[in-house]
Amino acid sequence: MKKLKSLLILFITFFKIGIITFGGGYAMVAIIERELVEKKKWISHEEFLDIIAIAESSPGPLAVNSATFIGYKLNKFFGSVFATIGVVLPSFIIIFVISLFFDEFLKFKYVGYAFRGIQAAVVFLIISAGIKMFKHVEKTPFNITMTALTIVTLILLEIFALKFSTVFIILIGGGIGVFLYLFGYIKKKRGKESEKSGEENKK
């Protein structure tokens, strides 16, 4: 009974996130952080950043992947199922209803005005989510350099209208991170071995 209650709370939380968020996965990041990290404290800021990084690197929508990961962390398999259904269901219902009356729906000029306003709000949500995430990222030279290089690269790609998928940018960033981790690990291991051999020589 207790487990069912926690699963229902998880479902309702993600259903709420799904129904109040416009603009897709990136716009949901700020809402997910506010609801799960700041309000409910189900996960820490560090865990949230890791989950977003994994969700972005995995195939599929960011919001759905995030919900699946967070749901699994909180309540294993059934948690991931309830969280995923919760975040997807509002969009499915709304899009299904709109599709039935799509042509008539677009004829209303006020709908177009509303969409323009929503688009502007979504841009703000994405920027605010990015700023919040950057605030909680550890300010190491590597992180700052990678962030700056990514921003500059994206700006240059837009200016020169070059086609380069953001998937490759994510993969390159991940590859550099793995390379530096392995390099640091090997260096650390060699340092320990040299210290050990030095102590043995002293004996």
N, C-alpha and C. Protein backbone atom coordinates (compact mmCIF):
# COMPACT_ATOMS: atom_id res chain seq x y z
N MET A 1 0.82 -1.21 0.00
CA MET A 1 0.00 0.00 0.00
C MET A 1 0.86 1.26 0.00
N LYS A 2 1.93 1.20 0.82
CA LYS A 2 2.84 2.34 0.91
C LYS A 2 3.53 2.57 -0.43
N LYS A 3 3.93 1.46 -1.08
CA LYS A 3 4.61 1.56 -2.38
C LYS A 3 3.68 2.12 -3.43
N LEU A 4 2.41 1.68 -3.42
CA LEU A 4 1.43 2.17 -4.39
C LEU A 4 1.21 3.67 -4.22
N LYS A 5 1.17 4.10 -2.97
CA LYS A 5 0.99 5.52 -2.67
C LYS A 5 2.15 6.34 -3.22
N SER A 6 3.38 5.86 -3.02
CA SER A 6 4.56 6.58 -3.51
C SER A 6 4.58 6.61 -5.04
N LEU A 7 4.10 5.52 -5.67
CA LEU A 7 4.03 5.48 -7.13
C LEU A 7 2.99 6.46 -7.66
N LEU A 8 1.87 6.57 -6.98
CA LEU A 8 0.83 7.52 -7.38
C LEU A 8 1.31 8.96 -7.23
N ILE A 9 2.05 9.22 -6.15
CA ILE A 9 2.62 10.56 -5.95
C ILE A 9 3.60 10.89 -7.08
N LEU A 10 4.40 9.90 -7.45
CA LEU A 10 5.36 10.06 -8.54
C LEU A 10 4.64 10.34 -9.85
N PHE A 11 3.57 9.57 -10.11
CA PHE A 11 2.78 9.76 -11.33
C PHE A 11 2.16 11.15 -11.38
N ILE A 12 1.53 11.55 -10.28
CA ILE A 12 0.86 12.86 -10.21
C ILE A 12 1.86 14.00 -10.39
N THR A 13 3.05 13.86 -9.79
CA THR A 13 4.09 14.89 -9.91
C THR A 13 4.51 15.08 -11.36
N PHE A 14 4.78 13.97 -12.05
CA PHE A 14 5.21 14.07 -13.44
C PHE A 14 4.05 14.44 -14.37
N PHE A 15 2.82 14.05 -14.02
CA PHE A 15 1.65 14.46 -14.79
C PHE A 15 1.50 15.98 -14.71
N LYS A 16 1.72 16.52 -13.52
CA LYS A 16 1.65 17.97 -13.31
C LYS A 16 2.73 18.67 -14.14
N ILE A 17 3.95 18.11 -14.13
CA ILE A 17 5.03 18.69 -14.92
C ILE A 17 4.68 18.68 -16.41
N GLY A 18 4.12 17.55 -16.87
CA GLY A 18 3.75 17.41 -18.28
C GLY A 18 2.65 18.35 -18.71
N ILE A 19 1.70 18.60 -17.82
CA ILE A 19 0.52 19.40 -18.21
C ILE A 19 0.77 20.91 -18.13
N ILE A 20 1.75 21.33 -17.33
CA ILE A 20 1.99 22.78 -17.19
C ILE A 20 3.18 23.27 -18.01
N THR A 21 3.82 22.36 -18.75
CA THR A 21 5.02 22.75 -19.49
C THR A 21 4.74 22.79 -20.98
N PHE A 22 5.12 23.91 -21.61
CA PHE A 22 5.03 24.06 -23.05
C PHE A 22 6.46 24.16 -23.61
N GLY A 23 6.65 23.65 -24.83
CA GLY A 23 7.94 23.85 -25.47
C GLY A 23 8.87 22.66 -25.47
N GLY A 24 8.41 21.51 -25.03
CA GLY A 24 9.23 20.31 -25.12
C GLY A 24 10.20 20.12 -23.98
N GLY A 25 11.14 19.20 -24.18
CA GLY A 25 12.05 18.74 -23.13
C GLY A 25 12.87 19.81 -22.47
N TYR A 26 13.49 20.69 -23.27
CA TYR A 26 14.37 21.71 -22.69
C TYR A 26 13.61 22.67 -21.79
N ALA A 27 12.39 22.99 -22.19
CA ALA A 27 11.57 23.87 -21.36
C ALA A 27 11.17 23.20 -20.06
N MET A 28 11.14 21.85 -20.06
CA MET A 28 10.76 21.10 -18.87
C MET A 28 11.86 21.05 -17.82
N VAL A 29 13.10 21.29 -18.24
CA VAL A 29 14.25 21.15 -17.33
C VAL A 29 14.07 22.01 -16.09
N ALA A 30 13.72 23.28 -16.28
CA ALA A 30 13.56 24.20 -15.15
C ALA A 30 12.42 23.76 -14.23
N ILE A 31 11.32 23.26 -14.83
CA ILE A 31 10.16 22.81 -14.05
C ILE A 31 10.52 21.57 -13.25
N ILE A 32 11.20 20.61 -13.91
CA ILE A 32 11.60 19.38 -13.22
C ILE A 32 12.52 19.70 -12.05
N GLU A 33 13.47 20.60 -12.28
CA GLU A 33 14.40 20.97 -11.21
C GLU A 33 13.66 21.61 -10.03
N ARG A 34 12.73 22.50 -10.33
CA ARG A 34 11.99 23.17 -9.26
C ARG A 34 11.14 22.19 -8.45
N GLU A 35 10.46 21.29 -9.16
CA GLU A 35 9.55 20.36 -8.49
C GLU A 35 10.29 19.26 -7.72
N LEU A 36 11.31 18.67 -8.33
CA LEU A 36 11.95 17.49 -7.75
C LEU A 36 13.16 17.80 -6.88
N VAL A 37 13.90 18.86 -7.23
CA VAL A 37 15.12 19.19 -6.48
C VAL A 37 14.82 20.19 -5.37
N GLU A 38 14.16 21.29 -5.73
CA GLU A 38 13.95 22.38 -4.77
C GLU A 38 12.76 22.13 -3.84
N LYS A 39 11.65 21.65 -4.40
CA LYS A 39 10.44 21.46 -3.57
C LYS A 39 10.44 20.13 -2.83
N LYS A 40 10.47 19.04 -3.58
CA LYS A 40 10.34 17.71 -2.96
C LYS A 40 11.67 17.16 -2.45
N LYS A 41 12.79 17.67 -2.98
CA LYS A 41 14.13 17.22 -2.57
C LYS A 41 14.31 15.70 -2.74
N TRP A 42 13.76 15.18 -3.82
CA TRP A 42 13.91 13.75 -4.11
C TRP A 42 15.31 13.44 -4.60
N ILE A 43 15.91 14.40 -5.32
CA ILE A 43 17.28 14.24 -5.80
C ILE A 43 18.06 15.52 -5.54
N SER A 44 19.38 15.41 -5.51
CA SER A 44 20.24 16.59 -5.28
C SER A 44 20.50 17.29 -6.61
N HIS A 45 21.07 18.51 -6.54
CA HIS A 45 21.42 19.25 -7.75
C HIS A 45 22.45 18.48 -8.59
N GLU A 46 23.40 17.86 -7.91
CA GLU A 46 24.45 17.11 -8.61
C GLU A 46 23.85 15.91 -9.36
N GLU A 47 22.93 15.19 -8.69
CA GLU A 47 22.26 14.05 -9.33
C GLU A 47 21.42 14.51 -10.51
N PHE A 48 20.76 15.65 -10.35
CA PHE A 48 19.91 16.21 -11.41
C PHE A 48 20.75 16.52 -12.65
N LEU A 49 21.92 17.13 -12.44
CA LEU A 49 22.80 17.46 -13.57
C LEU A 49 23.27 16.20 -14.28
N ASP A 50 23.60 15.17 -13.49
CA ASP A 50 24.04 13.90 -14.08
C ASP A 50 22.91 13.25 -14.89
N ILE A 51 21.69 13.30 -14.35
CA ILE A 51 20.53 12.70 -15.03
C ILE A 51 20.25 13.42 -16.34
N ILE A 52 20.33 14.76 -16.33
CA ILE A 52 20.10 15.55 -17.55
C ILE A 52 21.17 15.21 -18.60
N ALA A 53 22.42 15.08 -18.14
CA ALA A 53 23.51 14.75 -19.07
C ALA A 53 23.29 13.38 -19.70
N ILE A 54 22.86 12.40 -18.89
CA ILE A 54 22.59 11.05 -19.40
C ILE A 54 21.37 11.06 -20.33
N ALA A 55 20.32 11.77 -19.92
CA ALA A 55 19.09 11.83 -20.72
C ALA A 55 19.35 12.49 -22.07
N GLU A 56 20.19 13.53 -22.07
CA GLU A 56 20.52 14.23 -23.32
C GLU A 56 21.37 13.37 -24.24
N SER A 57 22.22 12.55 -23.63
CA SER A 57 23.13 11.69 -24.42
C SER A 57 22.44 10.42 -24.92
N SER A 58 21.26 10.12 -24.38
CA SER A 58 20.54 8.90 -24.77
C SER A 58 19.51 9.20 -25.86
N PRO A 59 19.20 8.22 -26.71
CA PRO A 59 18.16 8.42 -27.73
C PRO A 59 16.80 8.69 -27.07
N GLY A 60 16.02 9.55 -27.69
CA GLY A 60 14.68 9.84 -27.17
C GLY A 60 14.57 11.24 -26.60
N PRO A 61 13.33 11.68 -26.33
CA PRO A 61 13.11 13.03 -25.80
C PRO A 61 13.73 13.21 -24.42
N LEU A 62 14.26 14.40 -24.19
CA LEU A 62 14.93 14.72 -22.92
C LEU A 62 14.01 14.53 -21.72
N ALA A 63 12.79 15.06 -21.80
CA ALA A 63 11.87 15.00 -20.66
C ALA A 63 11.48 13.56 -20.32
N VAL A 64 11.25 12.75 -21.35
CA VAL A 64 10.85 11.35 -21.14
C VAL A 64 12.00 10.57 -20.53
N ASN A 65 13.19 10.75 -21.08
CA ASN A 65 14.37 10.06 -20.54
C ASN A 65 14.63 10.44 -19.09
N SER A 66 14.51 11.75 -18.81
CA SER A 66 14.73 12.24 -17.44
C SER A 66 13.72 11.62 -16.48
N ALA A 67 12.45 11.60 -16.89
CA ALA A 67 11.40 11.01 -16.05
C ALA A 67 11.68 9.54 -15.78
N THR A 68 12.12 8.82 -16.82
CA THR A 68 12.41 7.39 -16.68
C THR A 68 13.56 7.16 -15.69
N PHE A 69 14.63 7.94 -15.84
CA PHE A 69 15.79 7.80 -14.95
C PHE A 69 15.43 8.13 -13.51
N ILE A 70 14.74 9.26 -13.32
CA ILE A 70 14.39 9.71 -11.97
C ILE A 70 13.41 8.72 -11.33
N GLY A 71 12.41 8.27 -12.11
CA GLY A 71 11.45 7.29 -11.60
C GLY A 71 12.13 6.00 -11.16
N TYR A 72 13.11 5.55 -11.95
CA TYR A 72 13.83 4.31 -11.60
C TYR A 72 14.65 4.52 -10.34
N LYS A 73 15.25 5.69 -10.21
CA LYS A 73 16.07 5.97 -9.02
C LYS A 73 15.22 5.95 -7.75
N LEU A 74 13.99 6.44 -7.86
CA LEU A 74 13.13 6.56 -6.68
C LEU A 74 12.38 5.26 -6.36
N ASN A 75 11.88 4.57 -7.42
CA ASN A 75 11.07 3.37 -7.19
C ASN A 75 11.35 2.25 -8.19
N LYS A 76 12.57 2.16 -8.63
CA LYS A 76 13.00 1.09 -9.52
C LYS A 76 12.11 0.99 -10.78
N PHE A 77 11.80 -0.23 -11.23
CA PHE A 77 11.12 -0.43 -12.51
C PHE A 77 9.76 0.25 -12.56
N PHE A 78 8.91 -0.01 -11.55
CA PHE A 78 7.56 0.58 -11.56
C PHE A 78 7.61 2.10 -11.43
N GLY A 79 8.62 2.61 -10.75
CA GLY A 79 8.80 4.06 -10.64
C GLY A 79 9.07 4.68 -12.01
N SER A 80 9.91 4.01 -12.80
CA SER A 80 10.21 4.52 -14.14
C SER A 80 8.98 4.47 -15.03
N VAL A 81 8.16 3.40 -14.88
CA VAL A 81 6.94 3.26 -15.69
C VAL A 81 5.94 4.36 -15.34
N PHE A 82 5.67 4.56 -14.06
CA PHE A 82 4.69 5.56 -13.61
C PHE A 82 5.15 6.98 -13.97
N ALA A 83 6.44 7.25 -13.78
CA ALA A 83 6.97 8.59 -14.08
C ALA A 83 6.89 8.87 -15.58
N THR A 84 7.25 7.89 -16.39
CA THR A 84 7.24 8.06 -17.85
C THR A 84 5.82 8.26 -18.36
N ILE A 85 4.89 7.43 -17.90
CA ILE A 85 3.49 7.58 -18.31
C ILE A 85 2.95 8.93 -17.85
N GLY A 86 3.30 9.32 -16.63
CA GLY A 86 2.83 10.59 -16.10
C GLY A 86 3.25 11.79 -16.92
N VAL A 87 4.51 11.80 -17.37
CA VAL A 87 5.02 12.96 -18.12
C VAL A 87 4.54 12.96 -19.57
N VAL A 88 4.25 11.77 -20.12
CA VAL A 88 3.84 11.65 -21.53
C VAL A 88 2.34 11.84 -21.71
N LEU A 89 1.56 11.38 -20.75
CA LEU A 89 0.10 11.35 -20.90
C LEU A 89 -0.55 12.71 -21.21
N PRO A 90 -0.19 13.81 -20.51
CA PRO A 90 -0.83 15.10 -20.84
C PRO A 90 -0.62 15.52 -22.29
N SER A 91 0.63 15.37 -22.78
CA SER A 91 0.92 15.74 -24.17
C SER A 91 0.14 14.88 -25.14
N PHE A 92 0.08 13.58 -24.85
CA PHE A 92 -0.66 12.66 -25.73
C PHE A 92 -2.13 13.06 -25.83
N ILE A 93 -2.74 13.33 -24.69
CA ILE A 93 -4.17 13.68 -24.66
C ILE A 93 -4.43 14.99 -25.40
N ILE A 94 -3.60 16.01 -25.10
CA ILE A 94 -3.80 17.34 -25.70
C ILE A 94 -3.58 17.29 -27.21
N ILE A 95 -2.48 16.63 -27.64
CA ILE A 95 -2.19 16.55 -29.08
C ILE A 95 -3.27 15.74 -29.80
N PHE A 96 -3.76 14.69 -29.17
CA PHE A 96 -4.81 13.87 -29.78
C PHE A 96 -6.08 14.69 -29.99
N VAL A 97 -6.47 15.46 -28.99
CA VAL A 97 -7.68 16.29 -29.08
C VAL A 97 -7.50 17.36 -30.15
N ILE A 98 -6.32 18.01 -30.16
CA ILE A 98 -6.05 19.07 -31.15
C ILE A 98 -6.08 18.50 -32.57
N SER A 99 -5.53 17.28 -32.74
CA SER A 99 -5.48 16.67 -34.07
C SER A 99 -6.87 16.44 -34.66
N LEU A 100 -7.84 16.26 -33.80
CA LEU A 100 -9.22 16.05 -34.27
C LEU A 100 -9.81 17.31 -34.89
N PHE A 101 -9.34 18.47 -34.40
CA PHE A 101 -9.89 19.75 -34.87
C PHE A 101 -8.77 20.67 -35.37
N PHE A 102 -7.69 20.08 -35.94
CA PHE A 102 -6.48 20.85 -36.24
C PHE A 102 -6.74 22.01 -37.21
N ASP A 103 -7.41 21.73 -38.31
CA ASP A 103 -7.64 22.76 -39.33
C ASP A 103 -8.48 23.90 -38.77
N GLU A 104 -9.56 23.56 -38.05
CA GLU A 104 -10.42 24.58 -37.46
C GLU A 104 -9.66 25.35 -36.37
N PHE A 105 -8.80 24.61 -35.68
CA PHE A 105 -8.03 25.20 -34.58
C PHE A 105 -7.11 26.31 -35.08
N LEU A 106 -6.47 26.08 -36.24
CA LEU A 106 -5.51 27.05 -36.78
C LEU A 106 -6.19 28.28 -37.39
N LYS A 107 -7.49 28.18 -37.66
CA LYS A 107 -8.20 29.31 -38.27
C LYS A 107 -8.35 30.47 -37.30
N PHE A 108 -8.32 30.19 -36.00
CA PHE A 108 -8.47 31.26 -35.00
C PHE A 108 -7.17 32.06 -34.91
N LYS A 109 -7.23 33.35 -35.24
CA LYS A 109 -6.02 34.18 -35.23
C LYS A 109 -5.45 34.34 -33.82
N TYR A 110 -6.32 34.26 -32.82
CA TYR A 110 -5.85 34.41 -31.43
C TYR A 110 -4.99 33.21 -31.00
N VAL A 111 -5.21 32.09 -31.64
CA VAL A 111 -4.38 30.91 -31.36
C VAL A 111 -2.94 31.18 -31.80
N GLY A 112 -2.80 31.80 -32.99
CA GLY A 112 -1.47 32.17 -33.49
C GLY A 112 -0.78 33.16 -32.56
N TYR A 113 -1.53 34.15 -32.07
CA TYR A 113 -0.96 35.12 -31.13
C TYR A 113 -0.50 34.43 -29.85
N ALA A 114 -1.33 33.48 -29.38
CA ALA A 114 -0.98 32.75 -28.15
C ALA A 114 0.30 31.95 -28.34
N PHE A 115 0.44 31.31 -29.52
CA PHE A 115 1.64 30.51 -29.80
C PHE A 115 2.89 31.38 -29.81
N ARG A 116 2.77 32.60 -30.34
CA ARG A 116 3.93 33.50 -30.36
C ARG A 116 4.36 33.87 -28.95
N GLY A 117 3.37 34.11 -28.11
CA GLY A 117 3.68 34.42 -26.71
C GLY A 117 4.31 33.24 -25.99
N ILE A 118 3.79 32.06 -26.26
CA ILE A 118 4.32 30.83 -25.65
C ILE A 118 5.76 30.60 -26.10
N GLN A 119 6.05 30.84 -27.39
CA GLN A 119 7.41 30.66 -27.91
C GLN A 119 8.41 31.55 -27.17
N ALA A 120 8.02 32.79 -26.92
CA ALA A 120 8.91 33.71 -26.20
C ALA A 120 9.14 33.23 -24.77
N ALA A 121 8.07 32.73 -24.13
CA ALA A 121 8.20 32.23 -22.76
C ALA A 121 9.07 30.98 -22.71
N VAL A 122 8.96 30.13 -23.73
CA VAL A 122 9.76 28.91 -23.78
C VAL A 122 11.25 29.23 -23.88
N VAL A 123 11.59 30.24 -24.69
CA VAL A 123 12.99 30.67 -24.80
C VAL A 123 13.52 31.08 -23.43
N PHE A 124 12.73 31.82 -22.69
CA PHE A 124 13.14 32.24 -21.35
C PHE A 124 13.33 31.04 -20.42
N LEU A 125 12.42 30.07 -20.49
CA LEU A 125 12.51 28.87 -19.65
C LEU A 125 13.80 28.10 -19.94
N ILE A 126 14.14 27.97 -21.22
CA ILE A 126 15.35 27.22 -21.60
C ILE A 126 16.59 27.94 -21.11
N ILE A 127 16.64 29.27 -21.30
CA ILE A 127 17.79 30.06 -20.85
C ILE A 127 17.94 30.00 -19.34
N SER A 128 16.82 30.15 -18.61
CA SER A 128 16.88 30.12 -17.14
C SER A 128 17.32 28.75 -16.64
N ALA A 129 16.88 27.68 -17.33
CA ALA A 129 17.30 26.32 -16.95
C ALA A 129 18.80 26.16 -17.14
N GLY A 130 19.31 26.69 -18.27
CA GLY A 130 20.75 26.62 -18.53
C GLY A 130 21.56 27.38 -17.50
N ILE A 131 21.10 28.56 -17.13
CA ILE A 131 21.80 29.38 -16.13
C ILE A 131 21.81 28.68 -14.77
N LYS A 132 20.65 28.12 -14.39
CA LYS A 132 20.54 27.40 -13.11
C LYS A 132 21.48 26.21 -13.07
N MET A 133 21.52 25.46 -14.16
CA MET A 133 22.38 24.28 -14.21
C MET A 133 23.84 24.66 -14.13
N PHE A 134 24.20 25.75 -14.82
CA PHE A 134 25.60 26.19 -14.81
C PHE A 134 26.02 26.65 -13.42
N LYS A 135 25.09 27.23 -12.68
CA LYS A 135 25.39 27.68 -11.31
C LYS A 135 25.80 26.52 -10.42
N HIS A 136 25.19 25.35 -10.65
CA HIS A 136 25.45 24.19 -9.79
C HIS A 136 26.57 23.30 -10.31
N VAL A 137 27.05 23.58 -11.52
CA VAL A 137 28.18 22.80 -12.06
C VAL A 137 29.47 23.24 -11.36
N GLU A 138 30.32 22.27 -11.04
CA GLU A 138 31.60 22.59 -10.41
C GLU A 138 32.43 23.44 -11.37
N LYS A 139 32.91 24.58 -10.89
CA LYS A 139 33.62 25.54 -11.75
C LYS A 139 35.10 25.17 -11.90
N THR A 140 35.35 24.06 -12.54
CA THR A 140 36.72 23.63 -12.82
C THR A 140 37.16 24.23 -14.15
N PRO A 141 38.47 24.36 -14.39
CA PRO A 141 38.93 24.88 -15.69
C PRO A 141 38.37 24.09 -16.88
N PHE A 142 38.27 22.76 -16.71
CA PHE A 142 37.74 21.91 -17.78
C PHE A 142 36.29 22.25 -18.09
N ASN A 143 35.44 22.34 -17.04
CA ASN A 143 34.01 22.63 -17.24
C ASN A 143 33.79 24.00 -17.87
N ILE A 144 34.54 25.00 -17.38
CA ILE A 144 34.40 26.36 -17.92
C ILE A 144 34.85 26.40 -19.38
N THR A 145 35.98 25.74 -19.67
CA THR A 145 36.50 25.71 -21.04
C THR A 145 35.53 25.02 -21.99
N MET A 146 34.99 23.86 -21.57
CA MET A 146 34.05 23.12 -22.40
C MET A 146 32.77 23.91 -22.65
N THR A 147 32.28 24.60 -21.62
CA THR A 147 31.07 25.41 -21.77
C THR A 147 31.31 26.54 -22.77
N ALA A 148 32.44 27.23 -22.61
CA ALA A 148 32.78 28.35 -23.51
C ALA A 148 32.94 27.87 -24.95
N LEU A 149 33.65 26.74 -25.13
CA LEU A 149 33.87 26.21 -26.48
C LEU A 149 32.56 25.78 -27.14
N THR A 150 31.67 25.20 -26.34
CA THR A 150 30.37 24.76 -26.87
C THR A 150 29.54 25.95 -27.33
N ILE A 151 29.50 26.99 -26.50
CA ILE A 151 28.73 28.21 -26.84
C ILE A 151 29.29 28.86 -28.10
N VAL A 152 30.62 29.01 -28.16
CA VAL A 152 31.27 29.63 -29.32
C VAL A 152 31.01 28.80 -30.58
N THR A 153 31.11 27.46 -30.46
CA THR A 153 30.88 26.57 -31.60
C THR A 153 29.46 26.70 -32.12
N LEU A 154 28.49 26.72 -31.22
CA LEU A 154 27.07 26.83 -31.63
C LEU A 154 26.80 28.18 -32.29
N ILE A 155 27.41 29.25 -31.76
CA ILE A 155 27.23 30.59 -32.36
C ILE A 155 27.82 30.62 -33.77
N LEU A 156 29.02 30.08 -33.93
CA LEU A 156 29.68 30.06 -35.24
C LEU A 156 28.89 29.22 -36.25
N LEU A 157 28.35 28.10 -35.79
CA LEU A 157 27.55 27.25 -36.68
C LEU A 157 26.31 27.99 -37.18
N GLU A 158 25.70 28.79 -36.27
CA GLU A 158 24.52 29.57 -36.66
C GLU A 158 24.88 30.71 -37.61
N ILE A 159 26.00 31.40 -37.33
CA ILE A 159 26.43 32.54 -38.14
C ILE A 159 26.73 32.10 -39.58
N PHE A 160 27.48 31.00 -39.70
CA PHE A 160 27.89 30.53 -41.03
C PHE A 160 26.92 29.51 -41.63
N ALA A 161 25.79 29.28 -40.92
CA ALA A 161 24.74 28.37 -41.41
C ALA A 161 25.29 27.00 -41.79
N LEU A 162 26.15 26.47 -40.92
CA LEU A 162 26.75 25.17 -41.15
C LEU A 162 25.90 24.07 -40.52
N LYS A 163 25.77 22.97 -41.21
CA LYS A 163 24.99 21.85 -40.69
C LYS A 163 25.91 20.92 -39.89
N PHE A 164 25.70 20.91 -38.61
CA PHE A 164 26.49 20.04 -37.73
C PHE A 164 25.60 19.65 -36.55
N SER A 165 25.26 18.39 -36.48
CA SER A 165 24.29 17.94 -35.47
C SER A 165 24.82 18.14 -34.05
N THR A 166 23.94 18.57 -33.17
CA THR A 166 24.31 18.74 -31.76
C THR A 166 24.65 17.40 -31.10
N VAL A 167 24.21 16.31 -31.73
CA VAL A 167 24.54 14.97 -31.22
C VAL A 167 26.04 14.78 -31.21
N PHE A 168 26.70 15.26 -32.28
CA PHE A 168 28.16 15.12 -32.37
C PHE A 168 28.86 15.98 -31.32
N ILE A 169 28.29 17.13 -31.02
CA ILE A 169 28.87 18.00 -29.98
C ILE A 169 28.81 17.29 -28.63
N ILE A 170 27.67 16.64 -28.35
CA ILE A 170 27.51 15.89 -27.09
C ILE A 170 28.51 14.73 -27.04
N LEU A 171 28.63 14.00 -28.15
CA LEU A 171 29.54 12.85 -28.21
C LEU A 171 31.00 13.28 -28.07
N ILE A 172 31.35 14.40 -28.70
CA ILE A 172 32.72 14.92 -28.59
C ILE A 172 33.02 15.33 -27.15
N GLY A 173 32.05 16.03 -26.52
CA GLY A 173 32.22 16.42 -25.11
C GLY A 173 32.39 15.21 -24.21
N GLY A 174 31.56 14.19 -24.44
CA GLY A 174 31.66 12.97 -23.64
C GLY A 174 32.98 12.26 -23.86
N GLY A 175 33.44 12.23 -25.13
CA GLY A 175 34.72 11.60 -25.46
C GLY A 175 35.89 12.30 -24.80
N ILE A 176 35.87 13.62 -24.82
CA ILE A 176 36.94 14.40 -24.17
C ILE A 176 36.94 14.15 -22.66
N GLY A 177 35.74 14.10 -22.07
CA GLY A 177 35.63 13.84 -20.63
C GLY A 177 36.20 12.48 -20.25
N VAL A 178 35.88 11.45 -21.04
CA VAL A 178 36.39 10.09 -20.79
C VAL A 178 37.90 10.06 -20.94
N PHE A 179 38.41 10.71 -22.00
CA PHE A 179 39.85 10.73 -22.26
C PHE A 179 40.60 11.38 -21.10
N LEU A 180 40.11 12.53 -20.64
CA LEU A 180 40.78 13.23 -19.54
C LEU A 180 40.70 12.44 -18.23
N TYR A 181 39.56 11.76 -18.02
CA TYR A 181 39.42 10.93 -16.82
C TYR A 181 40.44 9.80 -16.83
N LEU A 182 40.55 9.11 -17.97
CA LEU A 182 41.50 8.00 -18.08
C LEU A 182 42.94 8.49 -17.96
N PHE A 183 43.21 9.65 -18.57
CA PHE A 183 44.55 10.25 -18.49
C PHE A 183 44.91 10.57 -17.03
N GLY A 184 43.94 11.18 -16.31
CA GLY A 184 44.15 11.50 -14.90
C GLY A 184 44.30 10.27 -14.04
N TYR A 185 43.51 9.24 -14.36
CA TYR A 185 43.57 7.98 -13.60
C TYR A 185 44.92 7.30 -13.77
N ILE A 186 45.40 7.23 -15.02
CA ILE A 186 46.70 6.61 -15.29
C ILE A 186 47.82 7.39 -14.62
N LYS A 187 47.74 8.73 -14.70
CA LYS A 187 48.75 9.58 -14.08
C LYS A 187 48.77 9.39 -12.56
N LYS A 188 47.58 9.31 -11.97
CA LYS A 188 47.47 9.12 -10.52
C LYS A 188 48.02 7.75 -10.11
N LYS A 189 47.70 6.74 -10.91
CA LYS A 189 48.16 5.37 -10.63
C LYS A 189 49.69 5.29 -10.70
N ARG A 190 50.26 5.94 -11.72
CA ARG A 190 51.72 5.94 -11.86
C ARG A 190 52.37 6.68 -10.70
N GLY A 191 51.72 7.78 -10.25
CA GLY A 191 52.24 8.54 -9.12
C GLY A 191 52.28 7.70 -7.85
N LYS A 192 51.21 6.92 -7.64
CA LYS A 192 51.16 6.05 -6.46
C LYS A 192 52.22 4.95 -6.53
N GLU A 193 52.40 4.42 -7.75
CA GLU A 193 53.41 3.37 -7.93
C GLU A 193 54.82 3.89 -7.69
N SER A 194 55.09 5.13 -8.16
CA SER A 194 56.41 5.72 -7.95
C SER A 194 56.65 6.01 -6.46
N GLU A 195 55.58 6.46 -5.77
CA GLU A 195 55.68 6.72 -4.33
C GLU A 195 55.97 5.43 -3.57
N LYS A 196 55.28 4.37 -3.98
CA LYS A 196 55.44 3.08 -3.34
C LYS A 196 56.87 2.54 -3.54
N SER A 197 57.36 2.66 -4.78
CA SER A 197 58.71 2.19 -5.07
C SER A 197 59.76 3.02 -4.35
N GLY A 198 59.45 4.34 -4.17
CA GLY A 198 60.37 5.22 -3.44
C GLY A 198 60.45 4.85 -1.97
N GLU A 199 59.29 4.52 -1.39
CA GLU A 199 59.27 4.10 0.01
C GLU A 199 60.01 2.78 0.20
N GLU A 200 59.87 1.86 -0.77
CA GLU A 200 60.55 0.56 -0.68
C GLU A 200 62.07 0.73 -0.79
N ASN A 201 62.48 1.69 -1.64
CA ASN A 201 63.92 1.95 -1.79
C ASN A 201 64.53 2.53 -0.52
N LYS A 202 63.72 3.35 0.18
CA LYS A 202 64.19 3.95 1.45
C LYS A 202 64.41 2.87 2.50
N LYS A 203 63.52 1.85 2.47
CA LYS A 203 63.62 0.76 3.45
C LYS A 203 64.87 -0.09 3.16
